[in-house]
């Protein structure tokens, strides 16, 4: 799959979190810009391109902004990656990283991160206890690790306005996953702890996100890709070549 006008792209998922082990998939996430003229016709361009082998998801700029404004944890991690995990980082992508804080608000961060973690727990709890086939055991353990990560990252974002992608103690997460795979009820105290922490810890985020920077950024993207033959500008520090329409 060839997608033009990629503005920002990097390695996300378990590799970014520091939880990958031998055989783990390498997941990539990015933002691209549709040619502006194609947004005015009867048939709009695809808003997302998803492939496997390699595992890559690319969202069109407007869709990514909507996901981020809604507090979507997967979308949000793209603009908080360690520098070495970016594979495409254009000047417009740099601008997006620069306004990442404006996408945040207290309610949406809490609802998204804690809500996703709660969904993970319900899936785990529905499986019940007892021995599992090896492939299912691995999947349940992975879901448990993500539950713990979502809780921790969500609370950090809620209370500090910052998001640390790489977890501090990967083995702690793997151990937790194994214990939950053996007994899903192990996850409940952790979930309850974070529910209380969200209730009791003062947050630093505003009541609503500031949409103005995202709107201004998106308009710059549209203006740039309106002219025939527009290319993605490459900054001297990125080494990312311009991409022609």
Protein backbone atom coordinates (compact mmCIF):
# COMPACT_ATOMS: atom_id res chain seq x y z
CA UNK A 1 0.00 0.00 0.00
CA UNK A 2 1.35 3.39 -1.02
CA UNK A 3 -0.16 6.40 0.72
CA UNK A 4 1.07 9.82 -0.31
CA UNK A 5 1.55 12.93 1.78
CA UNK A 6 2.40 11.19 5.06
CA UNK A 7 3.01 13.99 7.56
CA UNK A 8 3.92 12.03 10.67
CA UNK A 9 4.46 8.35 11.28
CA UNK A 10 6.13 6.20 13.88
CA UNK A 11 6.37 2.89 15.67
CA UNK A 12 3.68 2.46 18.33
CA UNK A 13 2.21 -0.41 20.35
CA UNK A 14 4.22 -2.92 22.36
CA UNK A 15 7.54 -1.88 20.84
CA UNK A 16 6.98 1.72 21.88
CA UNK A 17 5.79 0.71 25.36
CA UNK A 18 8.86 -1.46 25.93
CA UNK A 19 6.66 -4.54 26.25
CA UNK A 20 7.65 -6.30 23.03
CA UNK A 21 9.22 -9.72 23.17
CA UNK A 22 10.57 -12.04 20.52
CA UNK A 23 7.92 -12.55 17.88
CA UNK A 24 5.91 -9.44 18.79
CA UNK A 25 4.39 -7.51 15.91
CA UNK A 26 5.75 -4.07 15.06
CA UNK A 27 2.85 -1.62 14.77
CA UNK A 28 3.02 1.68 12.93
CA UNK A 29 0.66 4.65 13.08
CA UNK A 30 0.64 7.81 11.03
CA UNK A 31 -1.18 10.84 9.71
CA UNK A 32 -1.51 11.71 6.02
CA UNK A 33 -3.10 14.57 4.10
CA UNK A 34 -5.61 13.93 1.34
CA UNK A 35 -5.20 16.25 -1.67
CA UNK A 36 -7.47 19.18 -0.84
CA UNK A 37 -9.23 19.16 -4.22
CA UNK A 38 -10.44 15.60 -3.57
CA UNK A 39 -12.38 16.79 -0.52
CA UNK A 40 -14.79 18.79 -2.68
CA UNK A 41 -16.20 16.06 -4.94
CA UNK A 42 -19.00 13.54 -4.65
CA UNK A 43 -16.72 10.74 -3.54
CA UNK A 44 -14.49 11.55 -0.61
CA UNK A 45 -11.12 9.83 -0.18
CA UNK A 46 -10.66 7.11 2.39
CA UNK A 47 -10.07 8.44 5.87
CA UNK A 48 -7.97 5.49 7.03
CA UNK A 49 -5.66 2.98 5.41
CA UNK A 50 -4.96 -0.20 7.40
CA UNK A 51 -2.62 -3.02 6.41
CA UNK A 52 -1.19 -6.11 8.03
CA UNK A 53 2.26 -7.54 7.34
CA UNK A 54 3.40 -4.90 7.96
CA UNK A 55 0.91 -3.67 10.55
CA UNK A 56 0.28 -0.04 9.70
CA UNK A 57 -2.61 2.38 10.23
CA UNK A 58 -2.69 5.80 8.58
CA UNK A 59 -5.44 8.31 9.37
CA UNK A 60 -6.29 11.31 7.24
CA UNK A 61 -5.42 14.56 9.02
CA UNK A 62 -9.01 15.56 9.86
CA UNK A 63 -9.91 12.10 11.16
CA UNK A 64 -6.81 11.97 13.35
CA UNK A 65 -7.71 15.36 14.83
CA UNK A 66 -11.23 14.17 15.64
CA UNK A 67 -9.89 11.02 17.29
CA UNK A 68 -7.38 12.99 19.34
CA UNK A 69 -9.95 15.59 20.39
CA UNK A 70 -12.11 12.70 21.58
CA UNK A 71 -9.27 11.45 23.79
CA UNK A 72 -8.55 8.30 21.76
CA UNK A 73 -5.50 6.71 23.44
CA UNK A 74 -4.16 5.04 20.30
CA UNK A 75 -4.30 8.22 18.25
CA UNK A 76 -2.87 10.32 21.06
CA UNK A 77 0.29 8.27 21.51
CA UNK A 78 1.51 9.24 18.02
CA UNK A 79 2.36 12.78 19.13
CA UNK A 80 4.09 11.67 22.36
CA UNK A 81 6.55 9.11 20.97
CA UNK A 82 10.24 9.15 21.87
CA UNK A 83 12.12 10.86 19.03
CA UNK A 84 13.85 7.68 17.88
CA UNK A 85 10.53 5.98 17.12
CA UNK A 86 9.45 8.47 14.45
CA UNK A 87 10.02 7.28 10.90
CA UNK A 88 8.41 10.24 9.10
CA UNK A 89 8.51 13.64 10.74
CA UNK A 90 7.81 16.54 8.37
CA UNK A 91 7.45 20.21 9.37
CA UNK A 92 3.66 19.88 9.38
CA UNK A 93 4.06 16.80 11.55
CA UNK A 94 6.30 18.77 13.89
CA UNK A 95 3.57 21.40 14.16
CA UNK A 96 1.09 18.71 15.17
CA UNK A 97 3.42 17.51 17.93
CA UNK A 98 3.77 21.12 19.03
CA UNK A 99 0.02 21.55 19.64
CA UNK A 100 -0.56 18.15 21.26
CA UNK A 101 -1.59 19.62 24.60
CA UNK A 102 -4.48 21.52 23.03
CA UNK A 103 -6.27 18.25 22.21
CA UNK A 104 -6.63 17.32 25.87
CA UNK A 105 -9.47 17.83 28.32
CA UNK A 106 -10.16 16.19 31.67
CA UNK A 107 -13.44 14.39 30.95
CA UNK A 108 -12.44 12.93 27.60
CA UNK A 109 -9.10 11.68 28.88
CA UNK A 110 -10.73 10.04 31.88
CA UNK A 111 -13.59 8.57 29.85
CA UNK A 112 -11.33 7.28 27.10
CA UNK A 113 -8.47 5.77 29.08
CA UNK A 114 -10.47 4.48 32.03
CA UNK A 115 -13.32 3.48 29.71
CA UNK A 116 -11.03 1.43 27.48
CA UNK A 117 -9.47 -0.20 30.53
CA UNK A 118 -12.93 -1.09 31.86
CA UNK A 119 -13.85 -2.64 28.51
CA UNK A 120 -10.67 -4.72 28.65
CA UNK A 121 -11.60 -5.94 32.13
CA UNK A 122 -15.11 -6.92 31.05
CA UNK A 123 -13.67 -8.99 28.21
CA UNK A 124 -11.26 -10.65 30.61
CA UNK A 125 -13.90 -11.30 33.24
CA UNK A 126 -16.27 -12.80 30.68
CA UNK A 127 -13.74 -15.53 29.94
CA UNK A 128 -13.84 -16.82 33.52
CA UNK A 129 -11.02 -18.67 35.24
CA UNK A 130 -9.35 -21.98 34.55
CA UNK A 131 -6.59 -23.11 32.19
CA UNK A 132 -6.61 -21.62 28.69
CA UNK A 133 -5.14 -22.86 25.40
CA UNK A 134 -1.70 -21.34 24.82
CA UNK A 135 -2.80 -18.90 22.12
CA UNK A 136 -5.77 -17.67 24.17
CA UNK A 137 -3.63 -17.43 27.31
CA UNK A 138 -1.20 -15.15 25.44
CA UNK A 139 -4.04 -12.99 24.14
CA UNK A 140 -5.63 -12.60 27.57
CA UNK A 141 -2.26 -11.71 29.11
CA UNK A 142 -1.76 -9.08 26.41
CA UNK A 143 -5.18 -7.55 27.10
CA UNK A 144 -4.35 -7.43 30.81
CA UNK A 145 -1.09 -5.62 30.13
CA UNK A 146 -2.96 -3.05 28.09
CA UNK A 147 -5.51 -2.61 30.87
CA UNK A 148 -2.73 -1.76 33.33
CA UNK A 149 -0.97 0.51 30.83
CA UNK A 150 -4.13 2.43 29.95
CA UNK A 151 -4.87 3.06 33.61
CA UNK A 152 -1.35 4.28 34.35
CA UNK A 153 -0.97 6.44 31.25
CA UNK A 154 -4.46 7.88 31.56
CA UNK A 155 -3.89 8.98 35.13
CA UNK A 156 -0.53 10.51 34.23
CA UNK A 157 -2.09 12.46 31.37
CA UNK A 158 -5.00 13.54 33.59
CA UNK A 159 -2.82 14.77 36.44
CA UNK A 160 0.23 16.16 34.61
CA UNK A 161 -0.83 16.92 31.03
CA UNK A 162 2.03 14.72 29.80
CA UNK A 163 2.13 11.20 28.41
CA UNK A 164 5.06 8.82 28.88
CA UNK A 165 4.86 6.11 26.26
CA UNK A 166 7.52 3.69 27.52
CA UNK A 167 6.56 1.93 30.75
CA UNK A 168 9.01 1.94 33.65
CA UNK A 169 8.92 -1.75 34.61
CA UNK A 170 8.04 -4.00 31.66
CA UNK A 171 8.42 -7.20 33.70
CA UNK A 172 5.84 -5.94 36.17
CA UNK A 173 3.36 -5.64 33.30
CA UNK A 174 4.20 -9.10 31.97
CA UNK A 175 3.83 -10.62 35.44
CA UNK A 176 0.47 -8.89 35.85
CA UNK A 177 -0.67 -10.24 32.50
CA UNK A 178 0.24 -13.79 33.47
CA UNK A 179 -1.59 -13.56 36.79
CA UNK A 180 -4.71 -12.17 35.13
CA UNK A 181 -4.63 -14.86 32.45
CA UNK A 182 -4.76 -17.41 35.25
CA UNK A 183 -7.42 -15.54 37.23
CA UNK A 184 -9.19 -12.52 35.64
CA UNK A 185 -10.41 -11.28 39.03
CA UNK A 186 -6.81 -10.22 39.79
CA UNK A 187 -7.41 -7.20 37.53
CA UNK A 188 -10.36 -5.85 39.51
CA UNK A 189 -8.43 -4.31 42.46
CA UNK A 190 -6.14 -2.47 40.05
CA UNK A 191 -9.09 -1.09 38.10
CA UNK A 192 -10.82 0.02 41.31
CA UNK A 193 -7.61 1.68 42.50
CA UNK A 194 -7.39 3.80 39.37
CA UNK A 195 -11.06 4.67 39.44
CA UNK A 196 -10.52 6.07 42.95
CA UNK A 197 -7.30 7.80 41.89
CA UNK A 198 -9.10 9.64 39.08
CA UNK A 199 -11.78 10.72 41.56
CA UNK A 200 -9.40 11.85 44.28
CA UNK A 201 -6.40 13.28 42.41
CA UNK A 202 -6.61 16.88 41.17
CA UNK A 203 -6.31 17.10 37.41
CA UNK A 204 -4.56 19.81 35.40
CA UNK A 205 -6.53 19.55 32.18
CA UNK A 206 -9.23 22.00 31.09
CA UNK A 207 -12.92 21.14 30.92
CA UNK A 208 -12.87 21.29 27.13
CA UNK A 209 -10.11 20.88 24.55
CA UNK A 210 -8.91 23.94 22.68
CA UNK A 211 -9.96 23.21 19.10
CA UNK A 212 -8.52 26.43 17.65
CA UNK A 213 -4.92 25.17 17.18
CA UNK A 214 -6.17 21.98 15.50
CA UNK A 215 -8.46 23.98 13.23
CA UNK A 216 -5.64 26.35 12.27
CA UNK A 217 -3.24 23.45 11.66
CA UNK A 218 -5.75 21.61 9.50
CA UNK A 219 -6.36 24.73 7.42
CA UNK A 220 -2.61 25.05 6.85
CA UNK A 221 -2.54 21.45 5.70
CA UNK A 222 -5.44 22.06 3.31
CA UNK A 223 -3.86 25.22 1.93
CA UNK A 224 -0.54 23.47 1.37
CA UNK A 225 -2.05 20.57 -0.54
CA UNK A 226 -4.46 22.67 -2.57
CA UNK A 227 -1.97 23.83 -5.19
CA UNK A 228 -1.23 21.43 -8.03
CA UNK A 229 2.08 19.69 -7.55
CA UNK A 230 2.33 20.50 -3.84
CA UNK A 231 4.86 18.47 -1.92
CA UNK A 232 5.40 17.69 1.72
CA UNK A 233 8.13 20.12 2.81
CA UNK A 234 11.15 18.38 4.30
CA UNK A 235 12.92 20.09 7.17
CA UNK A 236 16.72 19.84 7.35
CA UNK A 237 16.54 17.86 10.59
CA UNK A 238 14.06 15.23 9.39
CA UNK A 239 15.69 13.92 6.24
CA UNK A 240 12.20 13.12 4.95
CA UNK A 241 11.96 13.78 1.18
CA UNK A 242 9.07 15.76 -0.22
CA UNK A 243 6.26 13.68 -1.68
CA UNK A 244 4.61 14.62 -4.92
CA UNK A 245 0.95 14.26 -5.63
